[in-house]
C-alpha atoms as a PDB file:
ATOM      1  CA  MET A   1      -8.265   8.819 -56.449  1.00  0.00           C
ATOM      2  CA  ASP A   2     -11.880   8.011 -57.300  1.00  0.00           C
ATOM      3  CA  GLN A   3     -10.910   4.583 -58.649  1.00  0.00           C
ATOM      4  CA  ARG A   4      -9.151   3.778 -55.393  1.00  0.00           C
ATOM      5  CA  LEU A   5     -12.225   4.728 -53.345  1.00  0.00           C
ATOM      6  CA  GLN A   6     -14.440   2.723 -55.684  1.00  0.00           C
ATOM      7  CA  ASN A   7     -12.195  -0.351 -55.289  1.00  0.00           C
ATOM      8  CA  GLN A   8     -12.250   0.035 -51.510  1.00  0.00           C
ATOM      9  CA  LYS A   9     -16.036   0.349 -51.560  1.00  0.00           C
ATOM     10  CA  ASN A  10     -16.402  -2.782 -53.713  1.00  0.00           C
ATOM     11  CA  TYR A  11     -14.060  -4.688 -51.411  1.00  0.00           C
ATOM     12  CA  SER A  12     -16.004  -3.678 -48.298  1.00  0.00           C
ATOM     13  CA  GLU A  13     -19.317  -4.654 -49.905  1.00  0.00           C
ATOM     14  CA  HIS A  14     -18.088  -8.218 -50.419  1.00  0.00           C
ATOM     15  CA  MET A  15     -16.660  -8.650 -46.946  1.00  0.00           C
ATOM     16  CA  PRO A  16     -18.809 -10.797 -44.668  1.00  0.00           C
ATOM     17  CA  PRO A  17     -19.801  -9.340 -41.318  1.00  0.00           C
ATOM     18  CA  PRO A  18     -17.717 -10.406 -38.328  1.00  0.00           C
ATOM     19  CA  ARG A  19     -18.512 -13.832 -36.912  1.00  0.00           C
ATOM     20  CA  PRO A  20     -20.842 -13.495 -33.904  1.00  0.00           C
ATOM     21  CA  SER A  21     -19.862 -15.173 -30.667  1.00  0.00           C
ATOM     22  CA  ASN A  22     -21.388 -18.607 -30.204  1.00  0.00           C
ATOM     23  CA  HIS A  23     -21.426 -18.359 -26.366  1.00  0.00           C
ATOM     24  CA  LEU A  24     -20.554 -22.057 -26.116  1.00  0.00           C
ATOM     25  CA  VAL A  25     -18.657 -21.654 -22.836  1.00  0.00           C
ATOM     26  CA  LEU A  26     -21.669 -19.969 -21.244  1.00  0.00           C
ATOM     27  CA  ALA A  27     -23.922 -22.741 -22.545  1.00  0.00           C
ATOM     28  CA  ILE A  28     -21.691 -25.511 -21.192  1.00  0.00           C
ATOM     29  CA  LEU A  29     -21.307 -23.837 -17.792  1.00  0.00           C
ATOM     30  CA  CYS A  30     -25.059 -23.383 -17.621  1.00  0.00           C
ATOM     31  CA  THR A  31     -25.624 -27.048 -18.469  1.00  0.00           C
ATOM     32  CA  VAL A  32     -23.077 -28.408 -16.010  1.00  0.00           C
ATOM     33  CA  ALA A  33     -23.553 -26.059 -13.077  1.00  0.00           C
ATOM     34  CA  CYS A  34     -27.015 -24.575 -13.153  1.00  0.00           C
ATOM     35  CA  CYS A  35     -29.914 -25.769 -15.241  1.00  0.00           C
ATOM     36  CA  MET A  36     -29.482 -28.671 -17.620  1.00  0.00           C
ATOM     37  CA  PRO A  37     -32.626 -28.223 -19.781  1.00  0.00           C
ATOM     38  CA  LEU A  38     -31.994 -24.545 -20.489  1.00  0.00           C
ATOM     39  CA  GLY A  39     -28.291 -25.210 -20.946  1.00  0.00           C
ATOM     40  CA  ILE A  40     -28.998 -27.841 -23.588  1.00  0.00           C
ATOM     41  CA  VAL A  41     -31.184 -25.372 -25.494  1.00  0.00           C
ATOM     42  CA  SER A  42     -28.345 -22.860 -25.274  1.00  0.00           C
ATOM     43  CA  ILE A  43     -25.849 -25.436 -26.600  1.00  0.00           C
ATOM     44  CA  VAL A  44     -28.123 -26.220 -29.550  1.00  0.00           C
ATOM     45  CA  TYR A  45     -28.336 -22.553 -30.512  1.00  0.00           C
ATOM     46  CA  SER A  46     -24.613 -22.011 -29.986  1.00  0.00           C
ATOM     47  CA  THR A  47     -23.775 -24.827 -32.399  1.00  0.00           C
ATOM     48  CA  LYS A  48     -26.067 -23.261 -35.014  1.00  0.00           C
ATOM     49  CA  VAL A  49     -24.031 -20.043 -35.012  1.00  0.00           C
ATOM     50  CA  ASP A  50     -20.916 -21.401 -36.733  1.00  0.00           C
ATOM     51  CA  SER A  51     -22.782 -23.592 -39.214  1.00  0.00           C
ATOM     52  CA  ALA A  52     -25.096 -20.719 -40.237  1.00  0.00           C
ATOM     53  CA  TYR A  53     -22.172 -18.308 -40.575  1.00  0.00           C
ATOM     54  CA  ASN A  54     -20.186 -20.755 -42.699  1.00  0.00           C
ATOM     55  CA  ALA A  55     -23.248 -21.291 -44.908  1.00  0.00           C
ATOM     56  CA  GLY A  56     -23.498 -17.533 -45.451  1.00  0.00           C
ATOM     57  CA  ASP A  57     -26.704 -17.053 -43.466  1.00  0.00           C
ATOM     58  CA  TYR A  58     -25.441 -14.163 -41.362  1.00  0.00           C
ATOM     59  CA  ALA A  59     -28.870 -13.189 -40.037  1.00  0.00           C
ATOM     60  CA  LEU A  60     -29.477 -16.696 -38.684  1.00  0.00           C
ATOM     61  CA  ALA A  61     -25.994 -16.737 -37.167  1.00  0.00           C
ATOM     62  CA  GLU A  62     -26.649 -13.448 -35.367  1.00  0.00           C
ATOM     63  CA  SER A  63     -30.089 -14.597 -34.218  1.00  0.00           C
ATOM     64  CA  SER A  64     -28.746 -17.932 -32.958  1.00  0.00           C
ATOM     65  CA  SER A  65     -25.963 -16.121 -31.095  1.00  0.00           C
ATOM     66  CA  LYS A  66     -28.464 -13.906 -29.287  1.00  0.00           C
ATOM     67  CA  LYS A  67     -30.699 -16.876 -28.460  1.00  0.00           C
ATOM     68  CA  ALA A  68     -27.754 -18.913 -27.145  1.00  0.00           C
ATOM     69  CA  LYS A  69     -26.751 -16.030 -24.890  1.00  0.00           C
ATOM     70  CA  ASN A  70     -30.307 -15.433 -23.675  1.00  0.00           C
ATOM     71  CA  TRP A  71     -30.935 -19.119 -22.909  1.00  0.00           C
ATOM     72  CA  GLY A  72     -27.588 -19.383 -21.113  1.00  0.00           C
ATOM     73  CA  ILE A  73     -28.321 -16.342 -18.980  1.00  0.00           C
ATOM     74  CA  ALA A  74     -31.838 -17.629 -18.291  1.00  0.00           C
ATOM     75  CA  GLY A  75     -30.414 -20.985 -17.173  1.00  0.00           C
ATOM     76  CA  ILE A  76     -27.824 -19.428 -14.890  1.00  0.00           C
ATOM     77  CA  SER A  77     -30.410 -17.033 -13.449  1.00  0.00           C
ATOM     78  CA  SER A  78     -32.929 -19.787 -12.791  1.00  0.00           C
ATOM     79  CA  GLY A  79     -30.243 -21.950 -11.197  1.00  0.00           C
ATOM     80  CA  PHE A  80     -29.251 -19.064  -8.939  1.00  0.00           C
ATOM     81  CA  ILE A  81     -32.882 -18.427  -7.984  1.00  0.00           C
ATOM     82  CA  VAL A  82     -33.413 -22.105  -7.133  1.00  0.00           C
ATOM     83  CA  VAL A  83     -30.318 -22.118  -4.916  1.00  0.00           C
ATOM     84  CA  VAL A  84     -31.450 -18.959  -3.094  1.00  0.00           C
ATOM     85  CA  ILE A  85     -34.940 -20.405  -2.526  1.00  0.00           C
ATOM     86  CA  TYR A  86     -33.406 -23.663  -1.284  1.00  0.00           C
ATOM     87  CA  ILE A  87     -31.182 -21.810   1.184  1.00  0.00           C
ATOM     88  CA  LEU A  88     -34.131 -19.738   2.409  1.00  0.00           C
ATOM     89  CA  PHE A  89     -36.214 -22.873   2.986  1.00  0.00           C
ATOM     90  CA  MET A  90     -33.362 -24.508   4.898  1.00  0.00           C
ATOM     91  CA  VAL A  91     -32.936 -21.432   7.101  1.00  0.00           C
ATOM     92  CA  VAL A  92     -36.681 -21.207   7.763  1.00  0.00           C
ATOM     93  CA  PHE A  93     -36.992 -24.924   8.560  1.00  0.00           C
ATOM     94  CA  ALA A  94     -33.893 -24.820  10.766  1.00  0.00           C
ATOM     95  CA  ALA A  95     -35.314 -21.863  12.667  1.00  0.00           C
ATOM     96  CA  ALA A  96     -38.683 -23.602  13.004  1.00  0.00           C
ATOM     97  CA  GLY A  97     -36.966 -26.746  14.265  1.00  0.00           C
ATOM     98  CA  ALA A  98     -34.945 -24.726  16.790  1.00  0.00           C
ATOM     99  CA  LEU A  99     -38.146 -23.144  18.124  1.00  0.00           C
ATOM    100  CA  ASP A 100     -39.830 -26.546  18.614  1.00  0.00           C
ATOM    101  CA  ALA A 101     -36.943 -28.000  20.582  1.00  0.00           C
END
């Protein structure tokens, strides 16, 4: 029984951690729909995830995955904020124009 547990322990020690998500879809959507500069940064980090994982650098893969996600979320958030500000300006200017007429 002890040999079996030892073999299982040795097998689990040599198993690589699960591949982190590269968040490429988020990065592409951010680039196309929201904020191109932040989306491009997100795409760069998302492409580093798979290459780092395949090279055995699991820490870099995990770090790149988190950075790709954060940059994608930042791009989508900033795009949303810009759209809201734009709509507010249009409403304010339309109201100001209606008052002048």
